[in-house]
Protein backbone atom coordinates (compact mmCIF):
# COMPACT_ATOMS: atom_id res chain seq x y z
CA MET A 1 -4.20 21.39 23.26
CA SER A 2 -4.59 18.39 20.92
CA ALA A 3 -3.20 15.04 22.05
CA LEU A 4 0.01 13.88 20.40
CA ILE A 5 -0.39 10.70 18.36
CA GLY A 6 2.15 8.52 16.57
CA GLY A 7 2.24 6.66 13.30
CA ILE A 8 4.40 4.00 11.65
CA GLU A 9 4.53 3.21 7.96
CA ALA A 10 6.18 -0.19 8.40
CA GLY A 11 7.76 -1.28 5.14
CA GLY A 12 9.98 -4.18 4.27
CA THR A 13 12.86 -1.77 3.52
CA LYS A 14 12.27 1.07 5.98
CA PHE A 15 10.05 2.23 8.81
CA VAL A 16 8.80 5.82 8.59
CA LEU A 17 7.95 7.13 12.06
CA VAL A 18 5.88 10.26 12.65
CA THR A 19 4.11 12.14 15.38
CA GLY A 20 1.33 14.65 14.97
CA THR A 21 -1.60 16.38 16.59
CA SER A 22 -3.91 15.18 13.80
CA PRO A 23 -3.50 12.97 10.71
CA THR A 24 -2.52 15.98 8.60
CA ASP A 25 -0.46 17.88 11.20
CA ILE A 26 2.87 16.05 11.29
CA THR A 27 5.17 17.45 13.97
CA ALA A 28 8.17 15.09 13.68
CA ARG A 29 9.42 12.45 11.28
CA HIS A 30 12.19 9.85 11.40
CA VAL A 31 13.24 7.00 9.10
CA ILE A 32 14.96 3.78 10.18
CA GLN A 33 16.03 0.78 8.15
CA THR A 34 14.07 -2.45 8.51
CA ARG A 35 16.44 -4.92 10.09
CA ALA A 36 15.69 -7.81 12.47
CA PRO A 37 12.42 -7.32 14.36
CA GLU A 38 14.01 -6.99 17.79
CA GLU A 39 16.35 -4.22 16.65
CA THR A 40 13.87 -2.39 14.45
CA LEU A 41 10.96 -2.34 16.89
CA ALA A 42 13.16 -1.31 19.82
CA GLN A 43 14.72 1.50 17.79
CA ALA A 44 11.27 2.76 16.76
CA ALA A 45 9.92 2.61 20.31
CA ASP A 46 12.95 4.50 21.60
CA TRP A 47 12.34 7.28 19.08
CA PHE A 48 8.70 7.66 20.11
CA ALA A 49 9.72 7.78 23.76
CA GLN A 50 12.04 10.68 22.94
CA GLN A 51 9.19 12.68 21.36
CA GLY A 52 7.18 12.93 24.55
CA ALA A 53 4.14 10.94 25.60
CA ILE A 54 1.90 9.91 22.72
CA SER A 55 -1.73 9.02 23.36
CA ALA A 56 -2.19 6.43 20.60
CA LEU A 57 -0.22 4.77 17.81
CA GLY A 58 -1.27 3.73 14.32
CA ILE A 59 0.63 1.14 12.28
CA GLY A 60 0.26 0.52 8.56
CA SER A 61 2.36 -2.59 8.00
CA PHE A 62 3.72 -4.73 5.21
CA GLY A 63 2.09 -8.12 5.29
CA PRO A 64 0.35 -10.40 5.17
CA VAL A 65 -1.07 -9.44 8.57
CA ASP A 66 -3.83 -10.62 10.90
CA LEU A 67 -6.59 -8.00 11.10
CA ASP A 68 -9.24 -10.09 12.86
CA PRO A 69 -9.89 -8.38 16.23
CA ALA A 70 -11.24 -11.67 17.60
CA SER A 71 -8.07 -13.58 16.68
CA SER A 72 -5.26 -14.31 19.12
CA GLY A 73 -2.95 -13.33 16.26
CA TRP A 74 -4.42 -9.87 15.74
CA GLY A 75 -1.68 -7.34 15.13
CA HIS A 76 0.80 -9.93 13.91
CA ILE A 77 2.66 -10.01 10.62
CA THR A 78 1.92 -13.56 9.48
CA ASN A 79 3.50 -15.60 6.68
CA THR A 80 5.73 -12.95 5.18
CA PRO A 81 8.76 -14.16 3.22
CA LYS A 82 10.87 -11.43 4.86
CA PRO A 83 13.39 -13.32 7.02
CA GLY A 84 12.70 -13.17 10.75
CA TRP A 85 9.42 -11.27 10.52
CA ALA A 86 6.91 -14.12 10.20
CA GLN A 87 4.52 -14.20 13.19
CA CYS A 88 5.95 -10.95 14.58
CA ASP A 89 3.54 -9.35 17.08
CA ILE A 90 4.19 -5.82 15.91
CA ALA A 91 1.05 -4.18 17.30
CA GLY A 92 1.34 -5.99 20.63
CA TYR A 93 4.97 -4.95 21.04
CA PHE A 94 4.23 -1.24 20.73
CA GLY A 95 1.06 -1.47 22.81
CA ARG A 96 3.01 -3.00 25.68
CA ARG A 97 6.14 -0.89 25.30
CA LEU A 98 4.39 2.47 24.93
CA GLY A 99 1.27 1.71 26.95
CA VAL A 100 -1.13 3.20 24.38
CA PRO A 101 -4.01 1.96 22.20
CA VAL A 102 -2.84 0.79 18.77
CA GLY A 103 -4.65 1.01 15.45
CA PHE A 104 -3.43 -1.58 12.97
CA ASP A 105 -3.93 -2.27 9.26
CA THR A 106 -1.96 -3.00 6.12
CA ASP A 107 0.28 -0.29 4.70
CA VAL A 108 -1.85 -0.04 1.56
CA ASN A 109 -5.13 0.11 3.50
CA ALA A 110 -3.66 2.93 5.57
CA ALA A 111 -2.58 4.79 2.44
CA ALA A 112 -6.00 4.19 0.86
CA LEU A 113 -7.70 5.56 3.96
CA ALA A 114 -5.52 8.68 3.84
CA GLU A 115 -6.16 9.32 0.16
CA ALA A 116 -9.89 8.68 0.57
CA THR A 117 -10.18 11.06 3.52
CA TYR A 118 -7.69 13.82 2.73
CA GLY A 119 -6.39 13.24 -0.79
CA ALA A 120 -7.47 12.12 -4.24
CA GLY A 121 -10.76 10.55 -3.09
CA ARG A 122 -12.06 13.12 -0.64
CA THR A 123 -15.05 13.91 -2.91
CA ALA A 124 -15.66 10.25 -3.81
CA THR A 125 -17.34 7.42 -1.93
CA SER A 126 -14.97 4.67 -3.09
CA LEU A 127 -11.23 4.48 -3.73
CA VAL A 128 -8.56 1.87 -4.37
CA TYR A 129 -4.93 2.61 -3.60
CA ILE A 130 -2.35 0.46 -5.42
CA THR A 131 1.35 0.56 -4.69
CA ILE A 132 3.69 -0.82 -7.35
CA GLY A 133 7.21 -1.09 -6.02
CA THR A 134 9.09 -3.86 -4.24
CA GLY A 135 5.75 -5.67 -4.29
CA ILE A 136 2.25 -4.86 -5.48
CA GLY A 137 -0.52 -4.34 -2.97
CA GLY A 138 -3.90 -2.67 -2.88
CA GLY A 139 -6.38 -1.30 -0.39
CA LEU A 140 -10.06 -0.54 -0.92
CA VAL A 141 -12.00 2.12 1.01
CA ILE A 142 -15.78 2.45 0.70
CA ASP A 143 -17.68 5.16 2.55
CA GLY A 144 -14.60 5.98 4.61
CA LYS A 145 -13.88 2.44 5.81
CA PRO A 146 -11.18 0.02 4.60
CA VAL A 147 -12.58 -3.27 3.33
CA HIS A 148 -11.13 -6.31 5.07
CA GLY A 149 -13.35 -9.31 4.29
CA THR A 150 -11.79 -12.50 5.65
CA ALA A 151 -8.41 -10.76 5.95
CA HIS A 152 -7.29 -8.04 3.56
CA PRO A 153 -7.11 -7.74 -0.24
CA GLU A 154 -4.05 -9.07 -2.08
CA MET A 155 -4.54 -7.28 -5.37
CA GLY A 156 -0.99 -7.92 -6.52
CA HIS A 157 -1.62 -11.64 -6.73
CA ILE A 158 -4.31 -11.68 -9.40
CA PHE A 159 -3.50 -13.18 -12.79
CA VAL A 160 -3.50 -11.18 -16.01
CA ARG A 161 -3.54 -12.16 -19.67
CA ARG A 162 -0.23 -12.29 -21.47
CA SER A 163 0.14 -10.22 -24.62
CA GLY A 164 0.88 -13.06 -27.04
CA PRO A 165 3.81 -15.06 -28.48
CA GLY A 166 7.07 -14.21 -26.75
CA ASP A 167 5.42 -12.92 -23.59
CA ASP A 168 6.07 -16.14 -21.73
CA TRP A 169 8.48 -15.12 -18.97
CA PRO A 170 7.55 -17.28 -15.94
CA GLY A 171 7.48 -14.45 -13.40
CA ASN A 172 9.28 -14.26 -10.08
CA CYS A 173 6.58 -14.42 -7.42
CA PRO A 174 7.70 -17.22 -5.07
CA HIS A 175 4.08 -18.25 -4.55
CA HIS A 176 2.39 -17.76 -7.93
CA GLY A 177 5.06 -17.22 -10.57
CA ALA A 178 3.47 -15.01 -13.21
CA CYS A 179 0.86 -13.20 -11.13
CA LEU A 180 0.67 -9.43 -11.43
CA GLU A 181 3.36 -8.92 -8.77
CA GLY A 182 5.52 -11.58 -10.38
CA LEU A 183 5.38 -9.65 -13.67
CA SER A 184 5.15 -5.95 -12.80
CA SER A 185 6.81 -5.28 -9.43
CA GLY A 186 10.17 -3.50 -9.35
CA PRO A 187 12.15 -6.69 -8.65
CA ALA A 188 10.25 -8.56 -11.38
CA ILE A 189 11.11 -5.91 -13.97
CA ILE A 190 14.78 -5.97 -12.99
CA ALA A 191 14.87 -9.77 -12.99
CA ARG A 192 13.33 -9.90 -16.46
CA TRP A 193 15.10 -7.03 -18.21
CA GLY A 194 18.12 -6.22 -16.05
CA ALA A 195 17.11 -2.65 -15.16
CA SER A 196 14.27 -0.67 -13.67
CA LEU A 197 11.48 0.59 -15.91
CA SER A 198 12.76 4.17 -15.56
CA GLU A 199 16.24 3.07 -16.69
CA LEU A 200 15.07 1.23 -19.80
CA PRO A 201 14.89 3.27 -23.05
CA PRO A 202 11.46 4.60 -24.10
CA GLY A 203 11.02 2.13 -26.95
CA HIS A 204 11.81 -0.94 -24.85
CA GLU A 205 9.14 -3.65 -24.83
CA ALA A 206 8.96 -3.51 -21.02
CA HIS A 207 7.03 -0.24 -21.07
CA ALA A 208 4.15 -1.58 -23.15
CA LEU A 209 4.04 -4.93 -21.36
CA VAL A 210 4.02 -3.51 -17.83
CA ALA A 211 1.48 -0.84 -18.79
CA GLY A 212 -0.69 -3.59 -20.26
CA TYR A 213 -0.57 -5.72 -17.12
CA LEU A 214 -1.39 -2.74 -14.89
CA ALA A 215 -4.16 -1.56 -17.23
CA GLN A 216 -5.80 -4.97 -16.86
CA LEU A 217 -5.69 -4.55 -13.09
CA CYS A 218 -7.37 -1.13 -13.33
CA HIS A 219 -10.03 -2.36 -15.74
CA ASN A 220 -10.78 -5.34 -13.52
CA LEU A 221 -11.15 -3.09 -10.47
CA PHE A 222 -13.50 -0.76 -12.34
CA ALA A 223 -15.50 -3.72 -13.64
CA MET A 224 -15.71 -5.70 -10.38
CA LEU A 225 -16.03 -2.89 -7.84
CA ALA A 226 -17.40 0.08 -9.83
CA VAL A 227 -14.86 2.05 -7.81
CA GLU A 228 -14.63 5.77 -8.52
CA VAL A 229 -10.92 6.49 -7.99
CA ILE A 230 -7.84 4.33 -8.48
CA VAL A 231 -4.66 5.82 -7.01
CA LEU A 232 -1.41 4.38 -8.37
CA GLY A 233 1.67 4.89 -6.20
CA GLY A 234 5.07 3.30 -5.70
CA GLY A 235 8.42 3.56 -7.44
CA VAL A 236 7.48 1.80 -10.67
CA THR A 237 4.77 4.38 -11.41
CA LYS A 238 7.42 7.11 -11.67
CA ALA A 239 8.61 5.71 -15.00
CA PRO A 240 8.10 8.40 -17.68
CA GLY A 241 4.96 7.89 -19.75
CA LEU A 242 3.61 4.96 -17.75
CA PHE A 243 0.52 6.73 -16.40
CA GLY A 244 -0.57 7.93 -19.82
CA LYS A 245 -0.10 4.50 -21.37
CA ILE A 246 -2.09 2.80 -18.60
CA LYS A 247 -4.98 5.23 -19.03
CA GLU A 248 -4.94 4.78 -22.80
CA LEU A 249 -5.02 0.99 -22.51
CA VAL A 250 -7.76 1.01 -19.87
CA GLY A 251 -9.91 2.92 -22.33
CA GLU A 252 -9.20 0.35 -25.05
CA ILE A 253 -9.85 -2.64 -22.79
CA GLY A 254 -13.12 -1.18 -21.47
CA ALA A 255 -14.45 -0.57 -25.00
CA SER A 256 -16.81 2.12 -23.64
CA TYR A 257 -18.94 -0.56 -21.97
CA LEU A 258 -18.70 0.00 -18.22
CA PRO A 259 -21.54 2.09 -16.77
CA GLY A 260 -20.35 5.13 -14.84
CA ARG A 261 -16.97 5.12 -16.57
CA GLU A 262 -17.08 8.91 -16.94
CA ARG A 263 -16.91 9.19 -13.14
CA GLN A 264 -13.93 6.86 -12.80
CA SER A 265 -10.36 8.11 -12.73
CA ILE A 266 -6.78 6.86 -12.40
CA VAL A 267 -4.56 9.33 -10.55
CA ALA A 268 -1.30 9.73 -8.66
CA PRO A 269 -1.39 10.07 -4.85
CA ALA A 270 -2.59 13.57 -3.96
CA LEU A 271 -0.67 13.30 -0.67
CA GLY A 272 2.52 12.34 -2.48
CA GLU A 273 4.95 10.46 -0.26
CA ASN A 274 2.80 11.16 2.81
CA SER A 275 -0.10 8.82 2.02
CA GLY A 276 1.24 6.04 4.25
CA VAL A 277 2.11 8.17 7.27
CA VAL A 278 -1.10 10.20 7.10
CA GLY A 279 -2.90 6.86 7.00
CA SER A 280 -1.02 5.56 10.03
CA LEU A 281 -1.90 8.71 11.98
CA SER A 282 -5.52 8.21 10.90
CA LEU A 283 -5.40 4.72 12.45
CA ALA A 284 -3.99 6.24 15.65
CA HIS A 285 -6.71 8.89 15.71
CA ALA A 286 -9.39 6.21 15.33
CA ALA A 287 -7.82 4.07 18.08
CA LEU A 288 -7.70 7.05 20.42
CA HIS A 289 -11.42 7.75 19.93
CA GLN A 290 -12.73 4.20 20.04
CA PRO A 291 -15.55 3.86 22.59
């Protein structure tokens, strides 16, 4: 019988908890609200204890996080603006409480790993997963491994060109103002126009502006990384017509120049809402089988 493993998609709004016998065989699921760390982590650990003994746990967490295995801060959420969560030792807490090995990465890296292995990128060698919701984050997987570098990518904090006169809103990122996240995240759209992109009428300027910002991101990823698949997820991407407009603008921006463009695609998550939890179970599976 396969060992039972656990996974956490740890978001700033909610924690999605799952168990499974493999990354794609989910046996139980539970959602809790993200409150203070002490309450949230204890509630999650209690739920796992009720499911029977798990052999490993994987956590895909909101960040920024420390992913350096040689660092004393590995497994910590670091300088997040979410009140109370800065320097939270999330991986260490569950490792001690549950007594199991813990795999740890960002939520978007976990989702990227899931889509690369089981979803939209399973026939490709490179994939970027972007979530556009409360924030904007991205994870890159090449040859089945998430790319970390000195820490982890922060794709939502690049800067994009503005469209011209009148497009001078200062953005709402507390760190960078008008970075991509400060212009195109769900809270940024509401702060600028008073409603979500899905609630604004089809002819509203927000649709073209947001599509333009996100198309620049996709073009830049294709140009810099020559990545094969870009997966766009998150609540903002559910706005009617947004996907088509992004693809159209990426074609215009690229001007048929990039080599290999015919092999590059922009798609929705093939795993739907399960990308994050399948990714967290993948981290648990890897932790369980580490030498």
